[in-house]
Amino acid sequence: MPDFAVLLVFIPTFFLVSLTPGLCMTLAMTLGMSIGLRRTFWMMLGEVVGVALVAVAAVMGVATMMLNYPNVFTIFKWIGGAYLVYLGVRMCLSKGQLDSPGNTTIGSSNWSLVLQGFGTAIANPKGWAFMISLLPPFLNLSAAIAGQLLVLVAIIMCSEFICMTIYASGGKSLRVFLQRGDNVHWLNRLAGSLLIAVGAWLALE
């Protein structure tokens, strides 16, 4: 268990890191706008699991392997980015109909949303950079690492979930505004363009 003083610094630090606009937060806002907050929770589930895995891997040294074999990481980023761009293009070409559980547009199944969030978290260079640089200094190497890591990762997951909910709620509010009148096709184009941007950002980061 980390010291109380460590937690007082760790919690606001990682909350602000999570709140910073990035791939996962942009994805949460886009999905909140296109499919609503409730279904976006499935993407959030995959994302927080992916972030937890990145945090544990950073501490256990897998990050070193990534740095020694950057081509593997680059290939994974390109695959994930290409998939997001594909989904974004499908949204832009949709016939003015918002996504719903019965549609076959972006996030056609809960499982695909989980995988979307997980893949984005795993392939996010910013996430790896933050975990490698910020997480280890909060660990006391003279004490048991497992208990400390469990608490810190739980805090990170909660911070990510809260911040993604904030972003997705903002996207949902924008959805309600754009649904007034004949604005649905603009909503799909905006959400699709944002998703294409996220995919390109992921691939080229």
N, C-alpha and C. Protein backbone atom coordinates (compact mmCIF):
# COMPACT_ATOMS: atom_id res chain seq x y z
N MET A 1 0.85 -1.19 0.00
CA MET A 1 0.00 0.00 0.00
C MET A 1 0.89 1.25 0.00
N PRO A 2 0.69 2.17 -0.97
CA PRO A 2 1.51 3.39 -1.00
C PRO A 2 1.25 4.27 0.22
N ASP A 3 2.23 5.09 0.56
CA ASP A 3 2.06 6.03 1.66
C ASP A 3 0.95 7.02 1.34
N PHE A 4 0.30 7.53 2.39
CA PHE A 4 -0.79 8.50 2.21
C PHE A 4 -0.27 9.76 1.51
N ALA A 5 0.95 10.18 1.85
CA ALA A 5 1.52 11.38 1.22
C ALA A 5 1.72 11.16 -0.28
N VAL A 6 2.11 9.94 -0.64
CA VAL A 6 2.29 9.61 -2.06
C VAL A 6 0.95 9.70 -2.80
N LEU A 7 -0.09 9.18 -2.16
CA LEU A 7 -1.41 9.20 -2.79
C LEU A 7 -1.93 10.62 -2.97
N LEU A 8 -1.63 11.51 -2.02
CA LEU A 8 -2.07 12.90 -2.12
C LEU A 8 -1.49 13.59 -3.35
N VAL A 9 -0.31 13.17 -3.76
CA VAL A 9 0.32 13.73 -4.96
C VAL A 9 -0.11 12.96 -6.21
N PHE A 10 -0.19 11.63 -6.06
CA PHE A 10 -0.46 10.76 -7.22
C PHE A 10 -1.85 11.00 -7.80
N ILE A 11 -2.87 11.09 -6.94
CA ILE A 11 -4.25 11.18 -7.42
C ILE A 11 -4.48 12.42 -8.29
N PRO A 12 -4.15 13.64 -7.84
CA PRO A 12 -4.38 14.80 -8.72
C PRO A 12 -3.48 14.79 -9.94
N THR A 13 -2.25 14.25 -9.80
CA THR A 13 -1.33 14.21 -10.93
C THR A 13 -1.91 13.39 -12.07
N PHE A 14 -2.34 12.17 -11.77
CA PHE A 14 -2.84 11.29 -12.83
C PHE A 14 -4.24 11.68 -13.29
N PHE A 15 -5.00 12.35 -12.43
CA PHE A 15 -6.30 12.83 -12.90
C PHE A 15 -6.10 13.90 -13.96
N LEU A 16 -5.15 14.80 -13.74
CA LEU A 16 -4.87 15.84 -14.73
C LEU A 16 -4.29 15.24 -16.01
N VAL A 17 -3.46 14.19 -15.86
CA VAL A 17 -2.92 13.51 -17.04
C VAL A 17 -4.06 12.89 -17.84
N SER A 18 -5.00 12.25 -17.16
CA SER A 18 -6.14 11.63 -17.84
C SER A 18 -7.02 12.67 -18.51
N LEU A 19 -7.18 13.81 -17.87
CA LEU A 19 -8.07 14.86 -18.38
C LEU A 19 -7.50 15.55 -19.62
N THR A 20 -6.19 15.43 -19.82
CA THR A 20 -5.55 16.05 -20.98
C THR A 20 -6.11 15.47 -22.27
N PRO A 21 -6.50 16.29 -23.25
CA PRO A 21 -7.01 15.76 -24.51
C PRO A 21 -6.01 14.83 -25.18
N GLY A 22 -6.47 13.72 -25.66
CA GLY A 22 -5.61 12.74 -26.31
C GLY A 22 -6.46 11.77 -27.11
N LEU A 23 -5.83 10.70 -27.54
CA LEU A 23 -6.52 9.72 -28.38
C LEU A 23 -7.77 9.16 -27.72
N CYS A 24 -7.62 8.66 -26.50
CA CYS A 24 -8.74 7.99 -25.83
C CYS A 24 -9.86 8.97 -25.48
N MET A 25 -9.49 10.18 -25.05
CA MET A 25 -10.51 11.15 -24.71
C MET A 25 -11.26 11.63 -25.97
N THR A 26 -10.55 11.81 -27.07
CA THR A 26 -11.19 12.19 -28.31
C THR A 26 -12.11 11.09 -28.81
N LEU A 27 -11.67 9.84 -28.66
CA LEU A 27 -12.51 8.71 -29.05
C LEU A 27 -13.78 8.65 -28.20
N ALA A 28 -13.64 8.90 -26.90
CA ALA A 28 -14.81 8.90 -26.01
C ALA A 28 -15.80 9.99 -26.42
N MET A 29 -15.30 11.17 -26.74
CA MET A 29 -16.18 12.26 -27.15
C MET A 29 -16.87 11.93 -28.47
N THR A 30 -16.13 11.34 -29.40
CA THR A 30 -16.69 10.99 -30.70
C THR A 30 -17.80 9.95 -30.57
N LEU A 31 -17.55 8.91 -29.77
CA LEU A 31 -18.55 7.87 -29.59
C LEU A 31 -19.74 8.38 -28.79
N GLY A 32 -19.48 9.24 -27.79
CA GLY A 32 -20.59 9.83 -27.05
C GLY A 32 -21.50 10.62 -27.98
N MET A 33 -20.91 11.25 -28.97
CA MET A 33 -21.67 12.05 -29.92
C MET A 33 -22.42 11.17 -30.92
N SER A 34 -21.84 10.03 -31.30
CA SER A 34 -22.43 9.22 -32.37
C SER A 34 -23.33 8.11 -31.86
N ILE A 35 -23.01 7.49 -30.73
CA ILE A 35 -23.81 6.36 -30.26
C ILE A 35 -24.37 6.56 -28.85
N GLY A 36 -24.04 7.68 -28.21
CA GLY A 36 -24.59 7.96 -26.89
C GLY A 36 -23.69 7.49 -25.76
N LEU A 37 -23.94 8.02 -24.58
CA LEU A 37 -23.09 7.75 -23.42
C LEU A 37 -23.16 6.29 -22.98
N ARG A 38 -24.36 5.73 -22.96
CA ARG A 38 -24.52 4.38 -22.41
C ARG A 38 -23.72 3.34 -23.18
N ARG A 39 -23.77 3.39 -24.51
CA ARG A 39 -23.01 2.41 -25.29
C ARG A 39 -21.53 2.72 -25.30
N THR A 40 -21.17 3.99 -25.09
CA THR A 40 -19.76 4.34 -25.03
C THR A 40 -19.08 3.71 -23.81
N PHE A 41 -19.86 3.37 -22.79
CA PHE A 41 -19.29 2.70 -21.62
C PHE A 41 -18.58 1.40 -21.99
N TRP A 42 -19.03 0.73 -23.05
CA TRP A 42 -18.35 -0.49 -23.48
C TRP A 42 -16.94 -0.19 -23.98
N MET A 43 -16.80 0.90 -24.74
CA MET A 43 -15.45 1.30 -25.17
C MET A 43 -14.60 1.65 -23.96
N MET A 44 -15.20 2.35 -22.99
CA MET A 44 -14.47 2.73 -21.78
C MET A 44 -13.96 1.50 -21.03
N LEU A 45 -14.77 0.44 -21.00
CA LEU A 45 -14.35 -0.80 -20.34
C LEU A 45 -13.06 -1.32 -20.97
N GLY A 46 -13.03 -1.40 -22.29
CA GLY A 46 -11.82 -1.85 -22.98
C GLY A 46 -10.65 -0.93 -22.75
N GLU A 47 -10.93 0.37 -22.73
CA GLU A 47 -9.85 1.36 -22.57
C GLU A 47 -9.20 1.27 -21.19
N VAL A 48 -10.01 1.17 -20.12
CA VAL A 48 -9.43 1.15 -18.78
C VAL A 48 -8.65 -0.15 -18.56
N VAL A 49 -9.10 -1.25 -19.16
CA VAL A 49 -8.34 -2.51 -19.07
C VAL A 49 -7.01 -2.36 -19.81
N GLY A 50 -7.06 -1.72 -21.00
CA GLY A 50 -5.83 -1.50 -21.75
C GLY A 50 -4.86 -0.60 -21.02
N VAL A 51 -5.37 0.46 -20.41
CA VAL A 51 -4.51 1.38 -19.63
C VAL A 51 -3.89 0.66 -18.45
N ALA A 52 -4.67 -0.19 -17.79
CA ALA A 52 -4.14 -0.95 -16.66
C ALA A 52 -3.01 -1.87 -17.13
N LEU A 53 -3.20 -2.51 -18.28
CA LEU A 53 -2.17 -3.40 -18.82
C LEU A 53 -0.90 -2.63 -19.17
N VAL A 54 -1.08 -1.44 -19.76
CA VAL A 54 0.08 -0.61 -20.08
C VAL A 54 0.83 -0.20 -18.82
N ALA A 55 0.09 0.16 -17.77
CA ALA A 55 0.72 0.57 -16.51
C ALA A 55 1.52 -0.57 -15.91
N VAL A 56 0.94 -1.75 -15.86
CA VAL A 56 1.65 -2.91 -15.29
C VAL A 56 2.86 -3.27 -16.15
N ALA A 57 2.67 -3.24 -17.48
CA ALA A 57 3.77 -3.57 -18.38
C ALA A 57 4.92 -2.58 -18.26
N ALA A 58 4.59 -1.31 -18.08
CA ALA A 58 5.62 -0.28 -17.94
C ALA A 58 6.48 -0.56 -16.72
N VAL A 59 5.85 -0.97 -15.64
CA VAL A 59 6.59 -1.24 -14.41
C VAL A 59 7.38 -2.54 -14.53
N MET A 60 6.85 -3.54 -15.22
CA MET A 60 7.49 -4.86 -15.30
C MET A 60 8.56 -4.94 -16.38
N GLY A 61 8.71 -3.89 -17.18
CA GLY A 61 9.81 -3.87 -18.12
C GLY A 61 9.47 -4.19 -19.55
N VAL A 62 8.18 -4.43 -19.87
CA VAL A 62 7.83 -4.69 -21.26
C VAL A 62 8.09 -3.46 -22.12
N ALA A 63 8.01 -2.29 -21.51
CA ALA A 63 8.27 -1.06 -22.25
C ALA A 63 9.68 -1.06 -22.83
N THR A 64 10.62 -1.67 -22.12
CA THR A 64 11.99 -1.76 -22.61
C THR A 64 12.04 -2.55 -23.91
N MET A 65 11.27 -3.64 -23.96
CA MET A 65 11.22 -4.44 -25.18
C MET A 65 10.64 -3.63 -26.33
N MET A 66 9.60 -2.82 -26.02
CA MET A 66 9.01 -1.99 -27.06
C MET A 66 10.03 -1.00 -27.63
N LEU A 67 10.86 -0.46 -26.74
CA LEU A 67 11.87 0.50 -27.18
C LEU A 67 12.97 -0.18 -28.00
N ASN A 68 13.28 -1.43 -27.67
CA ASN A 68 14.31 -2.17 -28.41
C ASN A 68 13.82 -2.68 -29.75
N TYR A 69 12.50 -2.90 -29.86
CA TYR A 69 11.92 -3.40 -31.11
C TYR A 69 10.77 -2.48 -31.54
N PRO A 70 11.10 -1.26 -31.93
CA PRO A 70 10.06 -0.28 -32.26
C PRO A 70 9.21 -0.67 -33.47
N ASN A 71 9.76 -1.51 -34.37
CA ASN A 71 9.00 -1.88 -35.56
C ASN A 71 7.72 -2.64 -35.20
N VAL A 72 7.78 -3.46 -34.16
CA VAL A 72 6.59 -4.21 -33.73
C VAL A 72 5.51 -3.24 -33.28
N PHE A 73 5.91 -2.26 -32.50
CA PHE A 73 4.97 -1.26 -32.00
C PHE A 73 4.40 -0.44 -33.15
N THR A 74 5.25 -0.09 -34.12
CA THR A 74 4.81 0.71 -35.27
C THR A 74 3.77 -0.03 -36.09
N ILE A 75 3.99 -1.32 -36.31
CA ILE A 75 3.03 -2.13 -37.07
C ILE A 75 1.68 -2.16 -36.36
N PHE A 76 1.72 -2.37 -35.06
CA PHE A 76 0.48 -2.43 -34.27
C PHE A 76 -0.25 -1.09 -34.35
N LYS A 77 0.48 0.01 -34.28
CA LYS A 77 -0.14 1.34 -34.36
C LYS A 77 -0.81 1.54 -35.71
N TRP A 78 -0.15 1.10 -36.79
CA TRP A 78 -0.71 1.29 -38.12
C TRP A 78 -1.98 0.48 -38.31
N ILE A 79 -2.00 -0.74 -37.79
CA ILE A 79 -3.20 -1.57 -37.90
C ILE A 79 -4.36 -0.93 -37.14
N GLY A 80 -4.11 -0.50 -35.91
CA GLY A 80 -5.16 0.13 -35.12
C GLY A 80 -5.64 1.43 -35.75
N GLY A 81 -4.70 2.24 -36.25
CA GLY A 81 -5.07 3.50 -36.89
C GLY A 81 -5.88 3.29 -38.15
N ALA A 82 -5.50 2.29 -38.96
CA ALA A 82 -6.23 2.01 -40.20
C ALA A 82 -7.65 1.58 -39.91
N TYR A 83 -7.85 0.82 -38.84
CA TYR A 83 -9.20 0.36 -38.49
C TYR A 83 -10.08 1.53 -38.08
N LEU A 84 -9.53 2.47 -37.30
CA LEU A 84 -10.30 3.63 -36.89
C LEU A 84 -10.64 4.52 -38.08
N VAL A 85 -9.70 4.66 -39.00
CA VAL A 85 -9.97 5.45 -40.21
C VAL A 85 -11.09 4.79 -41.02
N TYR A 86 -11.06 3.47 -41.12
CA TYR A 86 -12.10 2.73 -41.84
C TYR A 86 -13.48 2.99 -41.23
N LEU A 87 -13.55 2.94 -39.90
CA LEU A 87 -14.83 3.20 -39.23
C LEU A 87 -15.29 4.64 -39.47
N GLY A 88 -14.33 5.58 -39.43
CA GLY A 88 -14.67 6.97 -39.66
C GLY A 88 -15.21 7.21 -41.06
N VAL A 89 -14.61 6.58 -42.06
CA VAL A 89 -15.08 6.72 -43.44
C VAL A 89 -16.49 6.17 -43.57
N ARG A 90 -16.77 5.04 -42.92
CA ARG A 90 -18.12 4.47 -42.96
C ARG A 90 -19.14 5.43 -42.35
N MET A 91 -18.76 6.10 -41.30
CA MET A 91 -19.67 7.07 -40.70
C MET A 91 -19.93 8.24 -41.64
N CYS A 92 -18.88 8.74 -42.26
CA CYS A 92 -19.04 9.89 -43.16
C CYS A 92 -19.92 9.55 -44.35
N LEU A 93 -19.92 8.28 -44.77
CA LEU A 93 -20.70 7.86 -45.93
C LEU A 93 -22.09 7.37 -45.59
N SER A 94 -22.43 7.38 -44.28
CA SER A 94 -23.76 6.90 -43.88
C SER A 94 -24.84 7.83 -44.40
N LYS A 95 -26.04 7.30 -44.56
CA LYS A 95 -27.13 8.03 -45.20
C LYS A 95 -27.95 8.85 -44.21
N GLY A 96 -27.29 9.65 -43.41
CA GLY A 96 -28.03 10.54 -42.53
C GLY A 96 -28.78 9.86 -41.43
N GLN A 97 -28.27 8.72 -40.94
CA GLN A 97 -28.94 8.00 -39.86
C GLN A 97 -27.96 7.79 -38.73
N LEU A 98 -28.37 8.16 -37.51
CA LEU A 98 -27.50 7.98 -36.37
C LEU A 98 -27.34 6.52 -36.03
N ASP A 99 -26.21 6.18 -35.44
CA ASP A 99 -25.98 4.81 -35.04
C ASP A 99 -26.90 4.43 -33.88
N SER A 100 -27.37 3.23 -33.92
CA SER A 100 -28.18 2.70 -32.82
C SER A 100 -27.88 1.22 -32.71
N PRO A 101 -28.35 0.53 -31.64
CA PRO A 101 -28.05 -0.88 -31.49
C PRO A 101 -28.43 -1.73 -32.70
N GLY A 102 -29.39 -1.28 -33.49
CA GLY A 102 -29.81 -2.08 -34.64
C GLY A 102 -29.10 -1.72 -35.93
N ASN A 103 -28.29 -0.67 -35.92
CA ASN A 103 -27.58 -0.27 -37.13
C ASN A 103 -26.26 -0.99 -37.26
N THR A 104 -25.65 -0.88 -38.45
CA THR A 104 -24.38 -1.56 -38.68
C THR A 104 -23.26 -0.56 -38.89
N THR A 105 -23.43 0.67 -38.37
CA THR A 105 -22.37 1.65 -38.46
C THR A 105 -21.38 1.44 -37.34
N ILE A 106 -20.62 2.46 -37.00
CA ILE A 106 -19.56 2.34 -36.01
C ILE A 106 -20.07 1.73 -34.71
N GLY A 107 -19.28 0.81 -34.15
CA GLY A 107 -19.62 0.19 -32.89
C GLY A 107 -20.85 -0.68 -32.99
N SER A 108 -20.94 -1.55 -34.03
CA SER A 108 -22.14 -2.34 -34.26
C SER A 108 -22.36 -3.38 -33.17
N SER A 109 -21.37 -3.68 -32.37
CA SER A 109 -21.55 -4.62 -31.27
C SER A 109 -20.79 -4.11 -30.05
N ASN A 110 -21.25 -4.54 -28.89
CA ASN A 110 -20.57 -4.14 -27.66
C ASN A 110 -19.13 -4.65 -27.64
N TRP A 111 -18.93 -5.84 -28.15
CA TRP A 111 -17.58 -6.42 -28.15
C TRP A 111 -16.63 -5.60 -29.03
N SER A 112 -17.12 -5.13 -30.18
CA SER A 112 -16.27 -4.32 -31.05
C SER A 112 -15.88 -3.02 -30.37
N LEU A 113 -16.80 -2.45 -29.56
CA LEU A 113 -16.49 -1.24 -28.81
C LEU A 113 -15.43 -1.51 -27.75
N VAL A 114 -15.54 -2.65 -27.07
CA VAL A 114 -14.53 -3.02 -26.08
C VAL A 114 -13.16 -3.14 -26.73
N LEU A 115 -13.10 -3.82 -27.87
CA LEU A 115 -11.83 -4.00 -28.57
C LEU A 115 -11.28 -2.66 -29.08
N GLN A 116 -12.19 -1.78 -29.50
CA GLN A 116 -11.78 -0.47 -29.97
C GLN A 116 -11.07 0.31 -28.86
N GLY A 117 -11.68 0.31 -27.68
CA GLY A 117 -11.08 1.01 -26.55
C GLY A 117 -9.77 0.37 -26.11
N PHE A 118 -9.75 -0.96 -26.06
CA PHE A 118 -8.55 -1.67 -25.64
C PHE A 118 -7.39 -1.42 -26.60
N GLY A 119 -7.68 -1.55 -27.90
CA GLY A 119 -6.62 -1.36 -28.90
C GLY A 119 -6.08 0.06 -28.91
N THR A 120 -6.96 1.05 -28.74
CA THR A 120 -6.51 2.44 -28.72
C THR A 120 -5.62 2.71 -27.51
N ALA A 121 -5.99 2.15 -26.36
CA ALA A 121 -5.18 2.35 -25.15
C ALA A 121 -3.81 1.69 -25.27
N ILE A 122 -3.79 0.48 -25.82
CA ILE A 122 -2.52 -0.25 -25.94
C ILE A 122 -1.58 0.41 -26.94
N ALA A 123 -2.14 0.93 -28.02
CA ALA A 123 -1.31 1.49 -29.09
C ALA A 123 -1.09 3.00 -28.95
N ASN A 124 -1.48 3.57 -27.83
CA ASN A 124 -1.35 5.01 -27.63
C ASN A 124 0.05 5.36 -27.10
N PRO A 125 0.91 5.97 -27.90
CA PRO A 125 2.27 6.29 -27.45
C PRO A 125 2.28 7.22 -26.24
N LYS A 126 1.32 8.14 -26.20
CA LYS A 126 1.25 9.07 -25.08
C LYS A 126 1.03 8.31 -23.77
N GLY A 127 0.17 7.29 -23.82
CA GLY A 127 -0.08 6.49 -22.63
C GLY A 127 1.17 5.78 -22.14
N TRP A 128 1.91 5.18 -23.06
CA TRP A 128 3.17 4.52 -22.70
C TRP A 128 4.17 5.52 -22.12
N ALA A 129 4.27 6.68 -22.76
CA ALA A 129 5.22 7.69 -22.30
C ALA A 129 4.91 8.15 -20.88
N PHE A 130 3.62 8.41 -20.60
CA PHE A 130 3.24 8.83 -19.26
C PHE A 130 3.51 7.74 -18.22
N MET A 131 3.18 6.50 -18.55
CA MET A 131 3.37 5.41 -17.59
C MET A 131 4.84 5.16 -17.31
N ILE A 132 5.65 5.22 -18.36
CA ILE A 132 7.08 4.97 -18.18
C ILE A 132 7.73 6.07 -17.36
N SER A 133 7.32 7.32 -17.60
CA SER A 133 7.99 8.44 -16.94
C SER A 133 7.39 8.80 -15.59
N LEU A 134 6.06 8.62 -15.42
CA LEU A 134 5.41 9.10 -14.20
C LEU A 134 5.14 8.03 -13.16
N LEU A 135 4.84 6.82 -13.58
CA LEU A 135 4.43 5.80 -12.61
C LEU A 135 5.56 5.28 -11.72
N PRO A 136 6.73 4.88 -12.27
CA PRO A 136 7.78 4.32 -11.41
C PRO A 136 8.22 5.21 -10.26
N PRO A 137 8.31 6.54 -10.42
CA PRO A 137 8.74 7.37 -9.28
C PRO A 137 7.82 7.30 -8.07
N PHE A 138 6.57 6.89 -8.26
CA PHE A 138 5.64 6.81 -7.14
C PHE A 138 5.73 5.47 -6.40
N LEU A 139 6.57 4.57 -6.88
CA LEU A 139 6.72 3.26 -6.24
C LEU A 139 7.90 3.26 -5.28
N ASN A 140 7.70 2.66 -4.13
CA ASN A 140 8.76 2.49 -3.14
C ASN A 140 9.38 1.12 -3.36
N LEU A 141 10.58 1.09 -3.95
CA LEU A 141 11.22 -0.17 -4.31
C LEU A 141 11.68 -0.98 -3.11
N SER A 142 11.73 -0.35 -1.94
CA SER A 142 12.13 -1.09 -0.74
C SER A 142 10.97 -1.84 -0.11
N ALA A 143 9.76 -1.63 -0.61
CA ALA A 143 8.57 -2.31 -0.09
C ALA A 143 8.00 -3.21 -1.19
N ALA A 144 7.01 -4.01 -0.84
CA ALA A 144 6.38 -4.91 -1.80
C ALA A 144 5.75 -4.12 -2.94
N ILE A 145 6.11 -4.46 -4.19
CA ILE A 145 5.65 -3.72 -5.35
C ILE A 145 4.20 -4.06 -5.70
N ALA A 146 3.82 -5.33 -5.52
CA ALA A 146 2.50 -5.79 -5.98
C ALA A 146 1.36 -4.99 -5.35
N GLY A 147 1.39 -4.80 -4.05
CA GLY A 147 0.32 -4.07 -3.37
C GLY A 147 0.26 -2.62 -3.79
N GLN A 148 1.44 -2.00 -3.91
CA GLN A 148 1.49 -0.60 -4.35
C GLN A 148 0.92 -0.45 -5.76
N LEU A 149 1.36 -1.36 -6.65
CA LEU A 149 0.95 -1.28 -8.04
C LEU A 149 -0.56 -1.49 -8.17
N LEU A 150 -1.11 -2.40 -7.38
CA LEU A 150 -2.54 -2.66 -7.42
C LEU A 150 -3.34 -1.40 -7.09
N VAL A 151 -2.94 -0.69 -6.05
CA VAL A 151 -3.65 0.53 -5.64
C VAL A 151 -3.49 1.63 -6.68
N LEU A 152 -2.26 1.83 -7.16
CA LEU A 152 -2.02 2.90 -8.12
C LEU A 152 -2.73 2.66 -9.45
N VAL A 153 -2.74 1.41 -9.91
CA VAL A 153 -3.43 1.09 -11.17
C VAL A 153 -4.94 1.28 -11.01
N ALA A 154 -5.47 0.92 -9.85
CA ALA A 154 -6.91 1.13 -9.60
C ALA A 154 -7.25 2.62 -9.66
N ILE A 155 -6.38 3.46 -9.12
CA ILE A 155 -6.60 4.91 -9.17
C ILE A 155 -6.54 5.41 -10.61
N ILE A 156 -5.58 4.90 -11.39
CA ILE A 156 -5.45 5.29 -12.79
C ILE A 156 -6.71 4.92 -13.57
N MET A 157 -7.23 3.71 -13.34
CA MET A 157 -8.42 3.24 -14.04
C MET A 157 -9.64 4.12 -13.70
N CYS A 158 -9.76 4.48 -12.42
CA CYS A 158 -10.87 5.35 -12.01
C CYS A 158 -10.75 6.73 -12.65
N SER A 159 -9.53 7.28 -12.69
CA SER A 159 -9.31 8.59 -13.30
C SER A 159 -9.67 8.58 -14.78
N GLU A 160 -9.22 7.52 -15.47
CA GLU A 160 -9.52 7.41 -16.90
C GLU A 160 -11.03 7.32 -17.14
N PHE A 161 -11.70 6.51 -16.33
CA PHE A 161 -13.14 6.33 -16.52
C PHE A 161 -13.90 7.63 -16.29
N ILE A 162 -13.55 8.35 -15.22
CA ILE A 162 -14.22 9.61 -14.92
C ILE A 162 -14.00 10.63 -16.04
N CYS A 163 -12.77 10.73 -16.51
CA CYS A 163 -12.46 11.72 -17.55
C CYS A 163 -13.12 11.37 -18.88
N MET A 164 -13.14 10.07 -19.23
CA MET A 164 -13.81 9.67 -20.47
C MET A 164 -15.31 9.92 -20.38
N THR A 165 -15.89 9.74 -19.19
CA THR A 165 -17.31 10.03 -19.01
C THR A 165 -17.58 11.51 -19.24
N ILE A 166 -16.68 12.35 -18.77
CA ILE A 166 -16.82 13.80 -19.00
C ILE A 166 -16.80 14.12 -20.49
N TYR A 167 -15.83 13.54 -21.21
CA TYR A 167 -15.72 13.79 -22.64
C TYR A 167 -16.91 13.22 -23.40
N ALA A 168 -17.32 11.99 -23.05
CA ALA A 168 -18.44 11.36 -23.74
C ALA A 168 -19.74 12.11 -23.48
N SER A 169 -19.90 12.64 -22.27
CA SER A 169 -21.10 13.43 -21.94
C SER A 169 -21.14 14.70 -22.78
N GLY A 170 -19.98 15.31 -22.98
CA GLY A 170 -19.92 16.49 -23.85
C GLY A 170 -20.31 16.14 -25.27
N GLY A 171 -19.86 14.97 -25.76
CA GLY A 171 -20.23 14.53 -27.09
C GLY A 171 -21.71 14.26 -27.20
N LYS A 172 -22.30 13.67 -26.13
CA LYS A 172 -23.74 13.40 -26.14
C LYS A 172 -24.53 14.70 -26.21
N SER A 173 -24.09 15.73 -25.48
CA SER A 173 -24.78 17.01 -25.51
C SER A 173 -24.74 17.61 -26.91
N LEU A 174 -23.59 17.47 -27.57
CA LEU A 174 -23.46 17.97 -28.94
C LEU A 174 -24.37 17.20 -29.88
N ARG A 175 -24.53 15.90 -29.61
CA ARG A 175 -25.42 15.06 -30.42
C ARG A 175 -26.86 15.58 -30.34
N VAL A 176 -27.32 15.89 -29.11
CA VAL A 176 -28.68 16.38 -28.92
C VAL A 176 -28.90 17.68 -29.68
N PHE A 177 -27.90 18.56 -29.65
CA PHE A 177 -28.00 19.84 -30.35
C PHE A 177 -28.09 19.64 -31.86
N LEU A 178 -27.24 18.75 -32.38
CA LEU A 178 -27.19 18.56 -33.82
C LEU A 178 -28.37 17.76 -34.36
N GLN A 179 -29.08 17.05 -33.47
CA GLN A 179 -30.23 16.28 -33.91
C GLN A 179 -31.43 17.17 -34.25
N ARG A 180 -31.40 18.41 -33.81
CA ARG A 180 -32.50 19.32 -34.10
C ARG A 180 -32.49 19.68 -35.58
N GLY A 181 -33.61 19.51 -36.21
CA GLY A 181 -33.68 19.80 -37.63
C GLY A 181 -32.98 18.74 -38.45
N ASP A 182 -32.56 19.12 -39.65
CA ASP A 182 -31.93 18.17 -40.57
C ASP A 182 -30.41 18.22 -40.42
N ASN A 183 -29.94 17.88 -39.20
CA ASN A 183 -28.51 17.98 -38.93
C ASN A 183 -27.83 16.63 -38.70
N VAL A 184 -28.59 15.54 -38.86
CA VAL A 184 -28.03 14.23 -38.56
C VAL A 184 -26.84 13.91 -39.45
N HIS A 185 -26.95 14.24 -40.74
CA HIS A 185 -25.84 13.92 -41.65
C HIS A 185 -24.58 14.70 -41.28
N TRP A 186 -24.77 15.92 -40.75
CA TRP A 186 -23.61 16.69 -40.30
C TRP A 186 -22.99 16.06 -39.06
N LEU A 187 -23.84 15.51 -38.20
CA LEU A 187 -23.34 14.82 -37.01
C LEU A 187 -22.49 13.64 -37.41
N ASN A 188 -22.98 12.83 -38.35
CA ASN A 188 -22.22 11.67 -38.79
C ASN A 188 -20.89 12.07 -39.44
N ARG A 189 -20.95 13.14 -40.23
CA ARG A 189 -19.72 13.59 -40.88
C ARG A 189 -18.71 14.12 -39.86
N LEU A 190 -19.23 14.86 -38.87
CA LEU A 190 -18.33 15.39 -37.85
C LEU A 190 -17.71 14.27 -37.03
N ALA A 191 -18.56 13.32 -36.57
CA ALA A 191 -18.05 12.21 -35.77
C ALA A 191 -17.10 11.35 -36.59
N GLY A 192 -17.45 11.10 -37.86
CA GLY A 192 -16.58 10.30 -38.72
C GLY A 192 -15.25 10.98 -38.97
N SER A 193 -15.28 12.30 -39.18
CA SER A 193 -14.03 13.04 -39.41
C SER A 193 -13.15 13.01 -38.17
N LEU A 194 -13.76 13.14 -36.99
CA LEU A 194 -12.99 13.05 -35.76
C LEU A 194 -12.36 11.67 -35.61
N LEU A 195 -13.12 10.63 -35.96
CA LEU A 195 -12.59 9.28 -35.85
C LEU A 195 -11.45 9.05 -36.83
N ILE A 196 -11.57 9.58 -38.03
CA ILE A 196 -10.47 9.50 -39.01
C ILE A 196 -9.24 10.22 -38.47
N ALA A 197 -9.46 11.37 -37.85
CA ALA A 197 -8.34 12.12 -37.26
C ALA A 197 -7.66 11.33 -36.15
N VAL A 198 -8.48 10.66 -35.32
CA VAL A 198 -7.91 9.84 -34.24
C VAL A 198 -7.09 8.71 -34.82
N GLY A 199 -7.61 8.06 -35.88
CA GLY A 199 -6.88 6.96 -36.52
C GLY A 199 -5.56 7.43 -37.10
N ALA A 200 -5.59 8.57 -37.79
CA ALA A 200 -4.36 9.11 -38.37
C ALA A 200 -3.37 9.52 -37.27
N TRP A 201 -3.91 10.10 -36.21
CA TRP A 201 -3.08 10.49 -35.07
C TRP A 201 -2.39 9.26 -34.48
N LEU A 202 -3.15 8.19 -34.32
CA LEU A 202 -2.59 6.97 -33.74
C LEU A 202 -1.50 6.39 -34.63
N ALA A 203 -1.75 6.35 -35.94
CA ALA A 203 -0.79 5.76 -36.86
C ALA A 203 0.48 6.59 -37.02
N LEU A 204 0.34 7.91 -36.98
CA LEU A 204 1.47 8.79 -37.28
C LEU A 204 2.16 9.35 -36.04
N GLU A 205 1.60 9.08 -34.84
CA GLU A 205 2.18 9.63 -33.60
C GLU A 205 3.63 9.19 -33.47
